[in-house]
Full PDB file with SEQRES, HELIX, SHEET, SSBOND, CRYST1, ORIGX, SCALE, CONECT and MASTER records, all heavy atoms in Angstrom:
SEQRES   1 A   34  PHE ALA THR GLY ARG ARG GLU LYS LEU PHE VAL ASN GLY          
SEQRES   2 A   34  ASN ASP TYR PRO THR GLU ASP GLY THR CYS VAL ARG ASP          
SEQRES   3 A   34  PHE ILE HIS VAL THR ASP LEU ALA                              
HELIX    1 AA1 VAL A   30  LEU A   33  1                                   4    
CRYST1    1.000    1.000    1.000  90.00  90.00  90.00 P 1           1          
ORIGX1      1.000000  0.000000  0.000000        0.00000                         
ORIGX2      0.000000  1.000000  0.000000        0.00000                         
ORIGX3      0.000000  0.000000  1.000000        0.00000                         
SCALE1      1.000000  0.000000  0.000000        0.00000                         
SCALE2      0.000000  1.000000  0.000000        0.00000                         
SCALE3      0.000000  0.000000  1.000000        0.00000                         
ATOM      1  N   PHE A   1     118.325  66.862 121.265  1.00  0.00           N  
ATOM      2  CA  PHE A   1     119.730  66.471 121.087  1.00  0.00           C  
ATOM      3  C   PHE A   1     120.018  66.175 119.617  1.00  0.00           C  
ATOM      4  O   PHE A   1     121.058  66.569 119.081  1.00  0.00           O  
ATOM      5  CB  PHE A   1     120.035  65.250 121.951  1.00  0.00           C  
ATOM      6  CG  PHE A   1     121.409  64.683 121.743  1.00  0.00           C  
ATOM      7  CD1 PHE A   1     122.530  65.332 122.228  1.00  0.00           C  
ATOM      8  CD2 PHE A   1     121.589  63.484 121.044  1.00  0.00           C  
ATOM      9  CE1 PHE A   1     123.811  64.809 122.020  1.00  0.00           C  
ATOM     10  CE2 PHE A   1     122.852  62.956 120.837  1.00  0.00           C  
ATOM     11  CZ  PHE A   1     123.973  63.618 121.332  1.00  0.00           C  
ATOM     12  N   ALA A   2     119.080  65.504 118.944  1.00  0.00           N  
ATOM     13  CA  ALA A   2     119.270  65.131 117.541  1.00  0.00           C  
ATOM     14  C   ALA A   2     119.359  66.351 116.629  1.00  0.00           C  
ATOM     15  O   ALA A   2     120.037  66.314 115.594  1.00  0.00           O  
ATOM     16  CB  ALA A   2     118.144  64.208 117.084  1.00  0.00           C  
ATOM     17  N   THR A   3     118.703  67.445 117.016  1.00  0.00           N  
ATOM     18  CA  THR A   3     118.774  68.676 116.202  1.00  0.00           C  
ATOM     19  C   THR A   3     119.960  69.554 116.585  1.00  0.00           C  
ATOM     20  O   THR A   3     120.189  70.588 115.959  1.00  0.00           O  
ATOM     21  CB  THR A   3     117.487  69.517 116.353  1.00  0.00           C  
ATOM     22  OG1 THR A   3     117.343  69.920 117.723  1.00  0.00           O  
ATOM     23  CG2 THR A   3     116.263  68.748 115.898  1.00  0.00           C  
ATOM     24  N   GLY A   4     120.691  69.175 117.628  1.00  0.00           N  
ATOM     25  CA  GLY A   4     121.834  69.959 118.076  1.00  0.00           C  
ATOM     26  C   GLY A   4     121.493  70.994 119.119  1.00  0.00           C  
ATOM     27  O   GLY A   4     122.354  71.766 119.552  1.00  0.00           O  
ATOM     28  N   ARG A   5     120.239  71.002 119.567  1.00  0.00           N  
ATOM     29  CA  ARG A   5     119.815  71.988 120.571  1.00  0.00           C  
ATOM     30  C   ARG A   5     120.363  71.642 121.955  1.00  0.00           C  
ATOM     31  O   ARG A   5     120.582  72.531 122.783  1.00  0.00           O  
ATOM     32  CB  ARG A   5     118.287  72.049 120.595  1.00  0.00           C  
ATOM     33  CG  ARG A   5     117.709  73.168 121.431  1.00  0.00           C  
ATOM     34  CD  ARG A   5     116.217  73.264 121.204  1.00  0.00           C  
ATOM     35  NE  ARG A   5     115.549  74.092 122.190  1.00  0.00           N  
ATOM     36  CZ  ARG A   5     114.233  74.247 122.252  1.00  0.00           C  
ATOM     37  NH1 ARG A   5     113.457  73.636 121.375  1.00  0.00           N  
ATOM     38  NH2 ARG A   5     113.688  75.011 123.178  1.00  0.00           N  
ATOM     39  N   ARG A   6     120.595  70.352 122.206  1.00  0.00           N  
ATOM     40  CA  ARG A   6     121.208  69.900 123.460  1.00  0.00           C  
ATOM     41  C   ARG A   6     122.575  69.294 123.153  1.00  0.00           C  
ATOM     42  O   ARG A   6     122.722  68.540 122.191  1.00  0.00           O  
ATOM     43  CB  ARG A   6     120.317  68.859 124.161  1.00  0.00           C  
ATOM     44  CG  ARG A   6     118.914  69.367 124.488  1.00  0.00           C  
ATOM     45  CD  ARG A   6     118.906  70.450 125.531  1.00  0.00           C  
ATOM     46  NE  ARG A   6     117.634  71.187 125.526  1.00  0.00           N  
ATOM     47  CZ  ARG A   6     117.452  72.343 126.137  1.00  0.00           C  
ATOM     48  NH1 ARG A   6     118.442  72.909 126.792  1.00  0.00           N  
ATOM     49  NH2 ARG A   6     116.279  72.946 126.079  1.00  0.00           N  
ATOM     50  N   GLU A   7     123.561  69.608 123.980  1.00  0.00           N  
ATOM     51  CA  GLU A   7     124.924  69.172 123.704  1.00  0.00           C  
ATOM     52  C   GLU A   7     125.145  67.708 124.024  1.00  0.00           C  
ATOM     53  O   GLU A   7     125.933  67.031 123.364  1.00  0.00           O  
ATOM     54  CB  GLU A   7     125.924  70.025 124.503  1.00  0.00           C  
ATOM     55  CG  GLU A   7     126.012  71.460 124.023  1.00  0.00           C  
ATOM     56  CD  GLU A   7     127.088  72.226 124.758  1.00  0.00           C  
ATOM     57  OE1 GLU A   7     127.803  71.610 125.578  1.00  0.00           O  
ATOM     58  OE2 GLU A   7     127.224  73.440 124.507  1.00  0.00           O  
ATOM     59  N   LYS A   8     124.463  67.205 125.067  1.00  0.00           N  
ATOM     60  CA  LYS A   8     124.670  65.821 125.476  1.00  0.00           C  
ATOM     61  C   LYS A   8     123.330  65.142 125.720  1.00  0.00           C  
ATOM     62  O   LYS A   8     122.340  65.791 126.041  1.00  0.00           O  
ATOM     63  CB  LYS A   8     125.527  65.749 126.741  1.00  0.00           C  
ATOM     64  CG  LYS A   8     126.968  66.203 126.537  1.00  0.00           C  
ATOM     65  CD  LYS A   8     127.804  65.953 127.777  1.00  0.00           C  
ATOM     66  CE  LYS A   8     129.271  66.330 127.531  1.00  0.00           C  
ATOM     67  NZ  LYS A   8     130.118  66.048 128.714  1.00  0.00           N  
ATOM     68  N   LEU A   9     123.332  63.817 125.539  1.00  0.00           N  
ATOM     69  CA  LEU A   9     122.151  63.004 125.786  1.00  0.00           C  
ATOM     70  C   LEU A   9     122.424  62.121 126.996  1.00  0.00           C  
ATOM     71  O   LEU A   9     123.299  61.252 126.957  1.00  0.00           O  
ATOM     72  CB  LEU A   9     121.826  62.154 124.553  1.00  0.00           C  
ATOM     73  CG  LEU A   9     120.672  61.154 124.679  1.00  0.00           C  
ATOM     74  CD1 LEU A   9     119.371  61.855 125.055  1.00  0.00           C  
ATOM     75  CD2 LEU A   9     120.505  60.378 123.381  1.00  0.00           C  
ATOM     76  N   PHE A  10     121.699  62.380 128.067  1.00  0.00           N  
ATOM     77  CA  PHE A  10     121.887  61.621 129.297  1.00  0.00           C  
ATOM     78  C   PHE A  10     120.767  60.601 129.479  1.00  0.00           C  
ATOM     79  O   PHE A  10     119.604  60.903 129.232  1.00  0.00           O  
ATOM     80  CB  PHE A  10     121.914  62.554 130.512  1.00  0.00           C  
ATOM     81  CG  PHE A  10     123.106  63.485 130.535  1.00  0.00           C  
ATOM     82  CD1 PHE A  10     122.950  64.839 130.266  1.00  0.00           C  
ATOM     83  CD2 PHE A  10     124.370  63.004 130.826  1.00  0.00           C  
ATOM     84  CE1 PHE A  10     124.035  65.702 130.278  1.00  0.00           C  
ATOM     85  CE2 PHE A  10     125.471  63.856 130.840  1.00  0.00           C  
ATOM     86  CZ  PHE A  10     125.295  65.206 130.568  1.00  0.00           C  
ATOM     87  N   VAL A  11     121.143  59.428 129.920  1.00  0.00           N  
ATOM     88  CA  VAL A  11     120.182  58.375 130.286  1.00  0.00           C  
ATOM     89  C   VAL A  11     120.238  58.238 131.801  1.00  0.00           C  
ATOM     90  O   VAL A  11     121.292  57.907 132.362  1.00  0.00           O  
ATOM     91  CB  VAL A  11     120.528  57.037 129.604  1.00  0.00           C  
ATOM     92  CG1 VAL A  11     119.618  55.928 130.120  1.00  0.00           C  
ATOM     93  CG2 VAL A  11     120.418  57.168 128.093  1.00  0.00           C  
ATOM     94  N   ASN A  12     119.120  58.523 132.449  1.00  0.00           N  
ATOM     95  CA  ASN A  12     119.096  58.549 133.918  1.00  0.00           C  
ATOM     96  C   ASN A  12     118.934  57.145 134.489  1.00  0.00           C  
ATOM     97  O   ASN A  12     117.833  56.611 134.555  1.00  0.00           O  
ATOM     98  CB  ASN A  12     117.963  59.449 134.417  1.00  0.00           C  
ATOM     99  CG  ASN A  12     118.182  60.898 134.035  1.00  0.00           C  
ATOM    100  OD1 ASN A  12     117.547  61.421 133.126  1.00  0.00           O  
ATOM    101  ND2 ASN A  12     119.110  61.554 134.710  1.00  0.00           N  
ATOM    102  N   GLY A  13     120.048  56.562 134.902  1.00  0.00           N  
ATOM    103  CA  GLY A  13     120.033  55.256 135.548  1.00  0.00           C  
ATOM    104  C   GLY A  13     120.247  54.116 134.569  1.00  0.00           C  
ATOM    105  O   GLY A  13     119.564  54.032 133.552  1.00  0.00           O  
ATOM    106  N   ASN A  14     121.220  53.257 134.874  1.00  0.00           N  
ATOM    107  CA  ASN A  14     121.444  52.044 134.076  1.00  0.00           C  
ATOM    108  C   ASN A  14     121.578  50.810 134.947  1.00  0.00           C  
ATOM    109  O   ASN A  14     122.138  49.792 134.540  1.00  0.00           O  
ATOM    110  CB  ASN A  14     122.694  52.206 133.201  1.00  0.00           C  
ATOM    111  CG  ASN A  14     123.976  52.342 134.013  1.00  0.00           C  
ATOM    112  OD1 ASN A  14     123.938  52.685 135.193  1.00  0.00           O  
ATOM    113  ND2 ASN A  14     125.110  52.084 133.373  1.00  0.00           N  
ATOM    114  N   ASP A  15     121.039  50.920 136.178  1.00  0.00           N  
ATOM    115  CA  ASP A  15     121.127  49.808 137.127  1.00  0.00           C  
ATOM    116  C   ASP A  15     119.746  49.362 137.618  1.00  0.00           C  
ATOM    117  O   ASP A  15     119.601  48.803 138.694  1.00  0.00           O  
ATOM    118  CB  ASP A  15     122.003  50.201 138.322  1.00  0.00           C  
ATOM    119  CG  ASP A  15     121.484  51.435 139.063  1.00  0.00           C  
ATOM    120  OD1 ASP A  15     120.574  52.120 138.534  1.00  0.00           O  
ATOM    121  OD2 ASP A  15     121.989  51.715 140.169  1.00  0.00           O  
ATOM    122  N   TYR A  16     118.721  49.632 136.800  1.00  0.00           N  
ATOM    123  CA  TYR A  16     117.375  49.168 137.141  1.00  0.00           C  
ATOM    124  C   TYR A  16     117.257  47.663 136.850  1.00  0.00           C  
ATOM    125  O   TYR A  16     117.984  47.138 135.989  1.00  0.00           O  
ATOM    126  CB  TYR A  16     116.320  49.931 136.327  1.00  0.00           C  
ATOM    127  CG  TYR A  16     116.103  51.355 136.778  1.00  0.00           C  
ATOM    128  CD1 TYR A  16     116.728  52.414 136.120  1.00  0.00           C  
ATOM    129  CD2 TYR A  16     115.274  51.647 137.860  1.00  0.00           C  
ATOM    130  CE1 TYR A  16     116.529  53.726 136.528  1.00  0.00           C  
ATOM    131  CE2 TYR A  16     115.072  52.963 138.269  1.00  0.00           C  
ATOM    132  CZ  TYR A  16     115.703  53.994 137.601  1.00  0.00           C  
ATOM    133  OH  TYR A  16     115.501  55.285 138.013  1.00  0.00           O  
ATOM    134  N   PRO A  17     116.368  46.966 137.550  1.00  0.00           N  
ATOM    135  CA  PRO A  17     116.186  45.524 137.308  1.00  0.00           C  
ATOM    136  C   PRO A  17     115.391  45.254 136.024  1.00  0.00           C  
ATOM    137  O   PRO A  17     114.288  44.710 136.046  1.00  0.00           O  
ATOM    138  CB  PRO A  17     115.417  45.065 138.548  1.00  0.00           C  
ATOM    139  CG  PRO A  17     114.657  46.264 138.996  1.00  0.00           C  
ATOM    140  CD  PRO A  17     115.553  47.437 138.682  1.00  0.00           C  
ATOM    141  N   THR A  18     115.977  45.673 134.898  1.00  0.00           N  
ATOM    142  CA  THR A  18     115.362  45.473 133.578  1.00  0.00           C  
ATOM    143  C   THR A  18     116.406  44.813 132.674  1.00  0.00           C  
ATOM    144  O   THR A  18     117.567  44.660 133.053  1.00  0.00           O  
ATOM    145  CB  THR A  18     114.912  46.801 132.957  1.00  0.00           C  
ATOM    146  OG1 THR A  18     116.051  47.660 132.790  1.00  0.00           O  
ATOM    147  CG2 THR A  18     113.888  47.499 133.839  1.00  0.00           C  
ATOM    148  N   GLU A  19     116.005  44.465 131.458  1.00  0.00           N  
ATOM    149  CA  GLU A  19     116.883  43.707 130.568  1.00  0.00           C  
ATOM    150  C   GLU A  19     118.176  44.447 130.257  1.00  0.00           C  
ATOM    151  O   GLU A  19     119.252  43.846 130.219  1.00  0.00           O  
ATOM    152  CB  GLU A  19     116.139  43.380 129.269  1.00  0.00           C  
ATOM    153  CG  GLU A  19     116.887  42.419 128.364  1.00  0.00           C  
ATOM    154  CD  GLU A  19     116.046  41.929 127.204  1.00  0.00           C  
ATOM    155  OE1 GLU A  19     114.810  41.897 127.342  1.00  0.00           O  
ATOM    156  OE2 GLU A  19     116.625  41.573 126.167  1.00  0.00           O  
ATOM    157  N   ASP A  20     118.101  45.764 130.026  1.00  0.00           N  
ATOM    158  CA  ASP A  20     119.335  46.508 129.728  1.00  0.00           C  
ATOM    159  C   ASP A  20     119.700  47.523 130.813  1.00  0.00           C  
ATOM    160  O   ASP A  20     120.581  48.354 130.626  1.00  0.00           O  
ATOM    161  CB  ASP A  20     119.237  47.194 128.358  1.00  0.00           C  
ATOM    162  CG  ASP A  20     118.104  48.222 128.262  1.00  0.00           C  
ATOM    163  OD1 ASP A  20     117.645  48.704 129.317  1.00  0.00           O  
ATOM    164  OD2 ASP A  20     117.682  48.543 127.139  1.00  0.00           O  
ATOM    165  N   GLY A  21     118.994  47.456 131.950  1.00  0.00           N  
ATOM    166  CA  GLY A  21     119.318  48.313 133.084  1.00  0.00           C  
ATOM    167  C   GLY A  21     118.670  49.678 133.059  1.00  0.00           C  
ATOM    168  O   GLY A  21     118.807  50.456 134.010  1.00  0.00           O  
ATOM    169  N   THR A  22     117.957  50.008 131.955  1.00  0.00           N  
ATOM    170  CA  THR A  22     117.277  51.303 131.879  1.00  0.00           C  
ATOM    171  C   THR A  22     115.771  51.116 132.065  1.00  0.00           C  
ATOM    172  O   THR A  22     115.242  50.016 131.887  1.00  0.00           O  
ATOM    173  CB  THR A  22     117.558  52.009 130.540  1.00  0.00           C  
ATOM    174  OG1 THR A  22     117.010  51.244 129.454  1.00  0.00           O  
ATOM    175  CG2 THR A  22     119.061  52.171 130.323  1.00  0.00           C  
ATOM    176  N   CYS A  23     115.099  52.212 132.423  1.00  0.00           N  
ATOM    177  CA  CYS A  23     113.663  52.141 132.709  1.00  0.00           C  
ATOM    178  C   CYS A  23     112.879  51.657 131.488  1.00  0.00           C  
ATOM    179  O   CYS A  23     113.219  51.971 130.343  1.00  0.00           O  
ATOM    180  CB  CYS A  23     113.147  53.523 133.115  1.00  0.00           C  
ATOM    181  SG  CYS A  23     113.690  54.081 134.729  1.00  0.00           S  
ATOM    182  N   VAL A  24     111.823  50.911 131.754  1.00  0.00           N  
ATOM    183  CA  VAL A  24     110.928  50.410 130.709  1.00  0.00           C  
ATOM    184  C   VAL A  24     109.576  51.102 130.862  1.00  0.00           C  
ATOM    185  O   VAL A  24     109.010  51.148 131.956  1.00  0.00           O  
ATOM    186  CB  VAL A  24     110.761  48.880 130.798  1.00  0.00           C  
ATOM    187  CG1 VAL A  24     109.655  48.393 129.864  1.00  0.00           C  
ATOM    188  CG2 VAL A  24     112.078  48.189 130.479  1.00  0.00           C  
ATOM    189  N   ARG A  25     109.069  51.643 129.747  1.00  0.00           N  
ATOM    190  CA  ARG A  25     107.797  52.363 129.783  1.00  0.00           C  
ATOM    191  C   ARG A  25     106.919  51.953 128.605  1.00  0.00           C  
ATOM    192  O   ARG A  25     107.398  51.485 127.572  1.00  0.00           O  
ATOM    193  CB  ARG A  25     108.040  53.883 129.709  1.00  0.00           C  
ATOM    194  CG  ARG A  25     108.763  54.455 130.919  1.00  0.00           C  
ATOM    195  CD  ARG A  25     107.887  54.449 132.156  1.00  0.00           C  
ATOM    196  NE  ARG A  25     108.549  55.061 133.299  1.00  0.00           N  
ATOM    197  CZ  ARG A  25     109.279  54.398 134.192  1.00  0.00           C  
ATOM    198  NH1 ARG A  25     109.465  53.088 134.048  1.00  0.00           N  
ATOM    199  NH2 ARG A  25     109.821  55.019 135.213  1.00  0.00           N  
ATOM    200  N   ASP A  26     105.629  52.169 128.791  1.00  0.00           N  
ATOM    201  CA  ASP A  26     104.642  51.947 127.743  1.00  0.00           C  
ATOM    202  C   ASP A  26     104.448  53.270 127.018  1.00  0.00           C  
ATOM    203  O   ASP A  26     103.725  54.146 127.477  1.00  0.00           O  
ATOM    204  CB  ASP A  26     103.326  51.472 128.386  1.00  0.00           C  
ATOM    205  CG  ASP A  26     102.281  51.046 127.374  1.00  0.00           C  
ATOM    206  OD1 ASP A  26     102.370  51.481 126.211  1.00  0.00           O  
ATOM    207  OD2 ASP A  26     101.369  50.297 127.760  1.00  0.00           O  
ATOM    208  N   PHE A  27     105.124  53.431 125.884  1.00  0.00           N  
ATOM    209  CA  PHE A  27     105.031  54.670 125.119  1.00  0.00           C  
ATOM    210  C   PHE A  27     103.853  54.593 124.158  1.00  0.00           C  
ATOM    211  O   PHE A  27     103.667  53.591 123.480  1.00  0.00           O  
ATOM    212  CB  PHE A  27     106.326  54.927 124.349  1.00  0.00           C  
ATOM    213  CG  PHE A  27     107.500  55.211 125.240  1.00  0.00           C  
ATOM    214  CD1 PHE A  27     108.384  54.206 125.598  1.00  0.00           C  
ATOM    215  CD2 PHE A  27     107.711  56.487 125.737  1.00  0.00           C  
ATOM    216  CE1 PHE A  27     109.472  54.462 126.430  1.00  0.00           C  
ATOM    217  CE2 PHE A  27     108.789  56.759 126.570  1.00  0.00           C  
ATOM    218  CZ  PHE A  27     109.670  55.749 126.922  1.00  0.00           C  
ATOM    219  N   ILE A  28     103.056  55.666 124.135  1.00  0.00           N  
ATOM    220  CA  ILE A  28     101.870  55.713 123.286  1.00  0.00           C  
ATOM    221  C   ILE A  28     101.892  56.971 122.428  1.00  0.00           C  
ATOM    222  O   ILE A  28     102.284  58.048 122.906  1.00  0.00           O  
ATOM    223  CB  ILE A  28     100.577  55.652 124.141  1.00  0.00           C  
ATOM    224  CG1 ILE A  28      99.339  55.787 123.244  1.00  0.00           C  
ATOM    225  CG2 ILE A  28     100.578  56.718 125.238  1.00  0.00           C  
ATOM    226  CD1 ILE A  28      98.033  55.570 123.972  1.00  0.00           C  
ATOM    227  N   HIS A  29     101.512  56.833 121.175  1.00  0.00           N  
ATOM    228  CA  HIS A  29     101.480  57.984 120.270  1.00  0.00           C  
ATOM    229  C   HIS A  29     100.414  58.965 120.741  1.00  0.00           C  
ATOM    230  O   HIS A  29      99.291  58.581 121.056  1.00  0.00           O  
ATOM    231  CB  HIS A  29     101.178  57.527 118.849  1.00  0.00           C  
ATOM    232  CG  HIS A  29     101.521  58.534 117.802  1.00  0.00           C  
ATOM    233  ND1 HIS A  29     100.857  59.745 117.690  1.00  0.00           N  
ATOM    234  CD2 HIS A  29     102.463  58.528 116.817  1.00  0.00           C  
ATOM    235  CE1 HIS A  29     101.379  60.435 116.679  1.00  0.00           C  
ATOM    236  NE2 HIS A  29     102.353  59.722 116.127  1.00  0.00           N  
ATOM    237  N   VAL A  30     100.770  60.243 120.764  1.00  0.00           N  
ATOM    238  CA  VAL A  30      99.865  61.272 121.285  1.00  0.00           C  
ATOM    239  C   VAL A  30      98.564  61.349 120.477  1.00  0.00           C  
ATOM    240  O   VAL A  30      97.506  61.683 121.024  1.00  0.00           O  
ATOM    241  CB  VAL A  30     100.578  62.641 121.347  1.00  0.00           C  
ATOM    242  CG1 VAL A  30     100.896  63.160 119.946  1.00  0.00           C  
ATOM    243  CG2 VAL A  30      99.767  63.659 122.136  1.00  0.00           C  
ATOM    244  N   THR A  31      98.604  61.019 119.196  1.00  0.00           N  
ATOM    245  CA  THR A  31      97.379  61.023 118.398  1.00  0.00           C  
ATOM    246  C   THR A  31      96.453  59.892 118.814  1.00  0.00           C  
ATOM    247  O   THR A  31      95.229  60.068 118.902  1.00  0.00           O  
ATOM    248  CB  THR A  31      97.703  60.935 116.892  1.00  0.00           C  
ATOM    249  OG1 THR A  31      98.480  62.077 116.520  1.00  0.00           O  
ATOM    250  CG2 THR A  31      96.431  60.892 116.049  1.00  0.00           C  
ATOM    251  N   ASP A  32      97.016  58.711 119.094  1.00  0.00           N  
ATOM    252  CA  ASP A  32      96.197  57.622 119.639  1.00  0.00           C  
ATOM    253  C   ASP A  32      95.568  58.043 120.963  1.00  0.00           C  
ATOM    254  O   ASP A  32      94.396  57.754 121.234  1.00  0.00           O  
ATOM    255  CB  ASP A  32      97.053  56.368 119.852  1.00  0.00           C  
ATOM    256  CG  ASP A  32      97.294  55.584 118.573  1.00  0.00           C  
ATOM    257  OD1 ASP A  32      96.413  55.601 117.691  1.00  0.00           O  
ATOM    258  OD2 ASP A  32      98.364  54.959 118.457  1.00  0.00           O  
ATOM    259  N   LEU A  33      96.352  58.720 121.796  1.00  0.00           N  
ATOM    260  CA  LEU A  33      95.854  59.187 123.090  1.00  0.00           C  
ATOM    261  C   LEU A  33      94.738  60.207 122.902  1.00  0.00           C  
ATOM    262  O   LEU A  33      93.708  60.162 123.587  1.00  0.00           O  
ATOM    263  CB  LEU A  33      97.000  59.800 123.893  1.00  0.00           C  
ATOM    264  CG  LEU A  33      96.667  60.395 125.253  1.00  0.00           C  
ATOM    265  CD1 LEU A  33      96.005  59.381 126.161  1.00  0.00           C  
ATOM    266  CD2 LEU A  33      97.922  60.955 125.913  1.00  0.00           C  
ATOM    267  N   ALA A  34      94.917  61.125 121.964  1.00  0.00           N  
ATOM    268  CA  ALA A  34      93.891  62.135 121.692  1.00  0.00           C  
ATOM    269  C   ALA A  34      92.585  61.476 121.257  1.00  0.00           C  
ATOM    270  O   ALA A  34      91.491  61.862 121.713  1.00  0.00           O  
ATOM    271  CB  ALA A  34      94.381  63.099 120.617  1.00  0.00           C  
TER     272      ALA A  34                                                      
MASTER        0    0    0    1    0    0    0    6  271    1    0    3          
END                                                                             
């Protein structure tokens, strides 16, 4: 989306029981994972 390849940015769900209503995940850098 940031490069203009996608026209819209959708966030799937804003009614989850989290602080801002969106899903919370543990994101890890792929190099750390490797």
